[in-house]
Amino acid sequence: IVVTNTPDVLTDSTADLTWALLLAVARRVAEGDAYVRSGDWSGWAPTQMLGADVSGKTLGIIGMGTIGQRVAQLASALGMSIIYWNRSHLSAPGQAPSLDELLSQADVVSVLWP
């Protein structure tokens, strides 16, 4: 059995997909799509399927490897604060003292653990 490793090849793709999923959940995209396709949708309303803003929120990243760092870069472009928990200490600012602390402070959590 041949086993290979392709470091950094899919970092951007994986970070992009992480953000696609995060925004889809926050903005209720799948739920809204299912509602429209069900035939029950009767029209638009100002507060219908709003979901939640991510801008200005705190993103907690569990696993701050290469992909976690890229997700954090994209989060900062949305004006999010970033805290993270990693099994080894990093010199980057924002490391939570414990996983419990991260979970209590973060508005949104992404698990990017190998």
N, C-alpha and C. Protein backbone atom coordinates (compact mmCIF):
# COMPACT_ATOMS: atom_id res chain seq x y z
N ILE A 1 0.86 -1.17 0.00
CA ILE A 1 0.00 0.00 0.00
C ILE A 1 0.90 1.22 0.00
N VAL A 2 0.69 2.08 -0.95
CA VAL A 2 1.46 3.31 -1.05
C VAL A 2 0.74 4.39 -0.24
N VAL A 3 1.47 5.05 0.64
CA VAL A 3 0.93 6.15 1.43
C VAL A 3 1.73 7.40 1.09
N THR A 4 1.02 8.48 0.80
CA THR A 4 1.71 9.72 0.44
C THR A 4 1.18 10.87 1.29
N ASN A 5 1.92 11.96 1.25
CA ASN A 5 1.53 13.18 1.93
C ASN A 5 1.74 14.33 0.96
N THR A 6 0.76 15.17 0.83
CA THR A 6 0.88 16.32 -0.06
C THR A 6 0.66 17.61 0.74
N PRO A 7 1.63 17.99 1.56
CA PRO A 7 1.43 19.17 2.41
C PRO A 7 1.23 20.44 1.59
N ASP A 8 0.32 21.25 2.07
CA ASP A 8 0.01 22.58 1.52
C ASP A 8 -0.70 22.56 0.18
N VAL A 9 -0.90 21.40 -0.43
CA VAL A 9 -1.57 21.36 -1.73
C VAL A 9 -3.04 21.75 -1.61
N LEU A 10 -3.70 21.32 -0.56
CA LEU A 10 -5.14 21.56 -0.41
C LEU A 10 -5.47 22.54 0.72
N THR A 11 -4.49 23.27 1.20
CA THR A 11 -4.73 24.20 2.30
C THR A 11 -5.80 25.23 1.95
N ASP A 12 -5.63 25.92 0.84
CA ASP A 12 -6.60 26.95 0.45
C ASP A 12 -7.96 26.35 0.16
N SER A 13 -8.00 25.22 -0.53
CA SER A 13 -9.28 24.58 -0.86
C SER A 13 -10.01 24.17 0.40
N THR A 14 -9.30 23.61 1.36
CA THR A 14 -9.93 23.17 2.60
C THR A 14 -10.41 24.35 3.43
N ALA A 15 -9.60 25.41 3.49
CA ALA A 15 -10.01 26.62 4.21
C ALA A 15 -11.23 27.25 3.54
N ASP A 16 -11.25 27.29 2.21
CA ASP A 16 -12.41 27.83 1.49
C ASP A 16 -13.66 27.02 1.79
N LEU A 17 -13.54 25.70 1.77
CA LEU A 17 -14.69 24.85 2.06
C LEU A 17 -15.15 25.03 3.51
N THR A 18 -14.20 25.20 4.43
CA THR A 18 -14.56 25.48 5.82
C THR A 18 -15.42 26.72 5.90
N TRP A 19 -15.03 27.77 5.18
CA TRP A 19 -15.80 29.01 5.18
C TRP A 19 -17.12 28.87 4.47
N ALA A 20 -17.17 28.09 3.40
CA ALA A 20 -18.44 27.85 2.71
C ALA A 20 -19.44 27.20 3.66
N LEU A 21 -18.98 26.19 4.40
CA LEU A 21 -19.86 25.50 5.34
C LEU A 21 -20.24 26.39 6.51
N LEU A 22 -19.28 27.15 7.03
CA LEU A 22 -19.55 28.03 8.16
C LEU A 22 -20.59 29.09 7.79
N LEU A 23 -20.43 29.71 6.65
CA LEU A 23 -21.39 30.74 6.22
C LEU A 23 -22.74 30.13 5.88
N ALA A 24 -22.74 28.93 5.29
CA ALA A 24 -24.01 28.26 4.97
C ALA A 24 -24.81 27.97 6.23
N VAL A 25 -24.12 27.54 7.28
CA VAL A 25 -24.82 27.27 8.54
C VAL A 25 -25.29 28.57 9.18
N ALA A 26 -24.40 29.56 9.24
CA ALA A 26 -24.75 30.83 9.88
C ALA A 26 -25.93 31.51 9.17
N ARG A 27 -25.97 31.41 7.86
CA ARG A 27 -27.00 32.09 7.07
C ARG A 27 -28.16 31.19 6.66
N ARG A 28 -28.18 29.95 7.19
CA ARG A 28 -29.29 29.02 6.99
C ARG A 28 -29.55 28.72 5.51
N VAL A 29 -28.50 28.59 4.73
CA VAL A 29 -28.63 28.40 3.29
C VAL A 29 -29.36 27.10 2.94
N ALA A 30 -28.94 25.98 3.51
CA ALA A 30 -29.59 24.70 3.19
C ALA A 30 -31.04 24.69 3.64
N GLU A 31 -31.31 25.25 4.82
CA GLU A 31 -32.68 25.32 5.32
C GLU A 31 -33.57 26.16 4.41
N GLY A 32 -33.06 27.30 3.97
CA GLY A 32 -33.81 28.16 3.06
C GLY A 32 -34.06 27.49 1.72
N ASP A 33 -33.05 26.80 1.20
CA ASP A 33 -33.19 26.09 -0.06
C ASP A 33 -34.27 25.02 0.05
N ALA A 34 -34.23 24.24 1.14
CA ALA A 34 -35.22 23.19 1.34
C ALA A 34 -36.63 23.77 1.47
N TYR A 35 -36.74 24.91 2.14
CA TYR A 35 -38.03 25.56 2.32
C TYR A 35 -38.62 26.00 0.98
N VAL A 36 -37.80 26.61 0.15
CA VAL A 36 -38.28 27.06 -1.16
C VAL A 36 -38.66 25.86 -2.03
N ARG A 37 -37.82 24.83 -2.03
CA ARG A 37 -38.09 23.65 -2.86
C ARG A 37 -39.30 22.85 -2.39
N SER A 38 -39.67 22.98 -1.11
CA SER A 38 -40.80 22.21 -0.57
C SER A 38 -42.14 22.67 -1.13
N GLY A 39 -42.17 23.87 -1.66
CA GLY A 39 -43.42 24.42 -2.17
C GLY A 39 -44.21 25.18 -1.11
N ASP A 40 -43.72 25.21 0.13
CA ASP A 40 -44.42 25.90 1.22
C ASP A 40 -44.10 27.40 1.26
N TRP A 41 -43.07 27.80 0.57
CA TRP A 41 -42.65 29.21 0.62
C TRP A 41 -43.68 30.07 -0.09
N SER A 42 -44.15 31.11 0.58
CA SER A 42 -45.19 31.96 -0.02
C SER A 42 -44.68 33.33 -0.42
N GLY A 43 -43.42 33.61 -0.16
CA GLY A 43 -42.85 34.90 -0.54
C GLY A 43 -41.88 35.41 0.49
N TRP A 44 -41.21 36.46 0.14
CA TRP A 44 -40.16 37.02 0.96
C TRP A 44 -40.73 37.84 2.11
N ALA A 45 -40.03 37.82 3.25
CA ALA A 45 -40.36 38.67 4.39
C ALA A 45 -39.04 39.19 4.95
N PRO A 46 -39.02 40.41 5.49
CA PRO A 46 -37.77 41.03 5.93
C PRO A 46 -36.96 40.22 6.95
N THR A 47 -37.61 39.46 7.80
CA THR A 47 -36.88 38.72 8.82
C THR A 47 -36.81 37.22 8.54
N GLN A 48 -37.25 36.82 7.38
CA GLN A 48 -37.30 35.39 7.06
C GLN A 48 -35.91 34.83 6.76
N MET A 49 -35.52 33.77 7.45
CA MET A 49 -34.27 33.04 7.20
C MET A 49 -33.03 33.94 7.28
N LEU A 50 -33.04 34.91 8.16
CA LEU A 50 -31.90 35.82 8.27
C LEU A 50 -30.62 35.11 8.67
N GLY A 51 -30.70 34.20 9.60
CA GLY A 51 -29.47 33.59 10.10
C GLY A 51 -28.72 34.56 10.97
N ALA A 52 -27.42 34.36 11.07
CA ALA A 52 -26.59 35.16 11.97
C ALA A 52 -25.41 35.78 11.23
N ASP A 53 -25.07 37.00 11.63
CA ASP A 53 -23.86 37.64 11.12
C ASP A 53 -22.64 36.92 11.70
N VAL A 54 -21.57 36.87 10.95
CA VAL A 54 -20.30 36.39 11.50
C VAL A 54 -19.34 37.55 11.69
N SER A 55 -19.55 38.62 10.96
CA SER A 55 -18.68 39.80 11.11
C SER A 55 -18.75 40.32 12.54
N GLY A 56 -17.57 40.58 13.10
CA GLY A 56 -17.49 41.12 14.44
C GLY A 56 -17.61 40.07 15.54
N LYS A 57 -17.82 38.82 15.18
CA LYS A 57 -17.94 37.74 16.17
C LYS A 57 -16.55 37.17 16.47
N THR A 58 -16.51 36.26 17.43
CA THR A 58 -15.26 35.59 17.79
C THR A 58 -15.28 34.18 17.24
N LEU A 59 -14.26 33.84 16.47
CA LEU A 59 -14.10 32.50 15.92
C LEU A 59 -13.11 31.74 16.78
N GLY A 60 -13.53 30.59 17.26
CA GLY A 60 -12.65 29.70 17.99
C GLY A 60 -12.19 28.59 17.07
N ILE A 61 -10.89 28.43 16.94
CA ILE A 61 -10.34 27.39 16.08
C ILE A 61 -9.67 26.34 16.95
N ILE A 62 -10.11 25.12 16.80
CA ILE A 62 -9.50 24.00 17.52
C ILE A 62 -8.59 23.30 16.51
N GLY A 63 -7.29 23.46 16.70
CA GLY A 63 -6.31 22.93 15.77
C GLY A 63 -5.79 24.03 14.86
N MET A 64 -4.70 24.66 15.26
CA MET A 64 -4.17 25.82 14.53
C MET A 64 -2.96 25.42 13.70
N GLY A 65 -3.17 24.41 12.86
CA GLY A 65 -2.13 24.04 11.91
C GLY A 65 -2.19 24.93 10.69
N THR A 66 -1.70 24.46 9.59
CA THR A 66 -1.66 25.25 8.36
C THR A 66 -3.06 25.66 7.92
N ILE A 67 -4.00 24.73 7.96
CA ILE A 67 -5.36 25.04 7.54
C ILE A 67 -6.02 25.98 8.54
N GLY A 68 -5.85 25.73 9.83
CA GLY A 68 -6.40 26.61 10.85
C GLY A 68 -5.90 28.03 10.71
N GLN A 69 -4.63 28.18 10.39
CA GLN A 69 -4.06 29.52 10.20
C GLN A 69 -4.66 30.21 8.99
N ARG A 70 -4.92 29.46 7.94
CA ARG A 70 -5.53 30.05 6.73
C ARG A 70 -6.98 30.44 7.01
N VAL A 71 -7.71 29.59 7.74
CA VAL A 71 -9.08 29.93 8.12
C VAL A 71 -9.08 31.21 8.97
N ALA A 72 -8.11 31.34 9.86
CA ALA A 72 -7.99 32.54 10.69
C ALA A 72 -7.73 33.79 9.84
N GLN A 73 -6.90 33.67 8.83
CA GLN A 73 -6.64 34.81 7.93
C GLN A 73 -7.93 35.25 7.25
N LEU A 74 -8.70 34.30 6.78
CA LEU A 74 -9.97 34.64 6.13
C LEU A 74 -10.95 35.24 7.13
N ALA A 75 -10.94 34.76 8.35
CA ALA A 75 -11.83 35.30 9.39
C ALA A 75 -11.48 36.75 9.70
N SER A 76 -10.20 37.06 9.72
CA SER A 76 -9.81 38.44 10.03
C SER A 76 -10.28 39.39 8.94
N ALA A 77 -10.40 38.91 7.71
CA ALA A 77 -10.91 39.74 6.62
C ALA A 77 -12.39 40.08 6.84
N LEU A 78 -13.09 39.25 7.62
CA LEU A 78 -14.49 39.50 7.95
C LEU A 78 -14.64 40.27 9.26
N GLY A 79 -13.54 40.72 9.82
CA GLY A 79 -13.59 41.49 11.06
C GLY A 79 -13.84 40.65 12.30
N MET A 80 -13.52 39.37 12.21
CA MET A 80 -13.73 38.49 13.35
C MET A 80 -12.51 38.51 14.27
N SER A 81 -12.74 38.32 15.55
CA SER A 81 -11.66 38.08 16.49
C SER A 81 -11.37 36.59 16.46
N ILE A 82 -10.12 36.22 16.64
CA ILE A 82 -9.75 34.81 16.57
C ILE A 82 -9.12 34.38 17.88
N ILE A 83 -9.62 33.28 18.43
CA ILE A 83 -8.96 32.59 19.52
C ILE A 83 -8.78 31.15 19.08
N TYR A 84 -7.79 30.50 19.60
CA TYR A 84 -7.56 29.13 19.18
C TYR A 84 -7.04 28.29 20.32
N TRP A 85 -7.17 26.99 20.14
CA TRP A 85 -6.59 26.02 21.06
C TRP A 85 -5.83 25.03 20.23
N ASN A 86 -4.64 24.74 20.63
CA ASN A 86 -3.77 23.82 19.91
C ASN A 86 -3.08 22.94 20.94
N ARG A 87 -2.78 21.70 20.59
CA ARG A 87 -2.16 20.83 21.58
C ARG A 87 -0.73 21.24 21.91
N SER A 88 -0.06 21.96 20.99
CA SER A 88 1.26 22.49 21.30
C SER A 88 1.19 24.02 21.31
N HIS A 89 2.01 24.64 22.13
CA HIS A 89 1.99 26.10 22.26
C HIS A 89 2.53 26.75 20.98
N LEU A 90 1.84 27.76 20.52
CA LEU A 90 2.29 28.55 19.37
C LEU A 90 2.60 29.96 19.84
N SER A 91 3.41 30.66 19.07
CA SER A 91 3.74 32.03 19.46
C SER A 91 2.71 33.04 18.95
N ALA A 92 1.75 32.60 18.15
CA ALA A 92 0.74 33.52 17.62
C ALA A 92 -0.19 33.99 18.73
N PRO A 93 -0.61 35.25 18.69
CA PRO A 93 -1.52 35.75 19.72
C PRO A 93 -2.89 35.09 19.60
N GLY A 94 -3.59 35.01 20.71
CA GLY A 94 -4.95 34.51 20.69
C GLY A 94 -5.13 33.10 21.20
N GLN A 95 -4.05 32.49 21.69
CA GLN A 95 -4.18 31.11 22.16
C GLN A 95 -4.97 31.09 23.46
N ALA A 96 -6.04 30.29 23.48
CA ALA A 96 -6.86 30.15 24.68
C ALA A 96 -6.12 29.27 25.69
N PRO A 97 -6.24 29.57 26.97
CA PRO A 97 -5.54 28.77 27.98
C PRO A 97 -6.05 27.33 28.06
N SER A 98 -7.30 27.09 27.65
CA SER A 98 -7.84 25.74 27.69
C SER A 98 -8.94 25.61 26.65
N LEU A 99 -9.28 24.39 26.35
CA LEU A 99 -10.37 24.13 25.42
C LEU A 99 -11.69 24.64 25.99
N ASP A 100 -11.91 24.46 27.29
CA ASP A 100 -13.12 24.97 27.92
C ASP A 100 -13.22 26.49 27.79
N GLU A 101 -12.10 27.16 27.97
CA GLU A 101 -12.07 28.63 27.84
C GLU A 101 -12.43 29.05 26.41
N LEU A 102 -11.88 28.36 25.43
CA LEU A 102 -12.20 28.67 24.03
C LEU A 102 -13.70 28.50 23.79
N LEU A 103 -14.24 27.39 24.23
CA LEU A 103 -15.66 27.11 24.00
C LEU A 103 -16.57 28.11 24.69
N SER A 104 -16.14 28.65 25.82
CA SER A 104 -16.97 29.63 26.52
C SER A 104 -16.87 31.02 25.90
N GLN A 105 -15.79 31.32 25.19
CA GLN A 105 -15.60 32.65 24.63
C GLN A 105 -16.00 32.78 23.17
N ALA A 106 -15.97 31.70 22.42
CA ALA A 106 -16.18 31.76 20.97
C ALA A 106 -17.67 31.81 20.63
N ASP A 107 -18.00 32.62 19.62
CA ASP A 107 -19.36 32.63 19.07
C ASP A 107 -19.53 31.51 18.05
N VAL A 108 -18.45 31.21 17.36
CA VAL A 108 -18.43 30.20 16.31
C VAL A 108 -17.18 29.36 16.54
N VAL A 109 -17.29 28.02 16.37
CA VAL A 109 -16.16 27.14 16.58
C VAL A 109 -15.94 26.30 15.34
N SER A 110 -14.69 26.18 14.92
CA SER A 110 -14.31 25.31 13.82
C SER A 110 -13.27 24.33 14.31
N VAL A 111 -13.52 23.04 14.10
CA VAL A 111 -12.59 22.01 14.51
C VAL A 111 -11.77 21.61 13.29
N LEU A 112 -10.49 21.89 13.34
CA LEU A 112 -9.58 21.61 12.22
C LEU A 112 -8.45 20.73 12.73
N TRP A 113 -8.83 19.64 13.29
CA TRP A 113 -7.91 18.72 13.95
C TRP A 113 -7.62 17.56 13.02
N PRO A 114 -6.35 17.19 12.91
CA PRO A 114 -6.04 16.05 12.00
C PRO A 114 -6.58 14.74 12.49
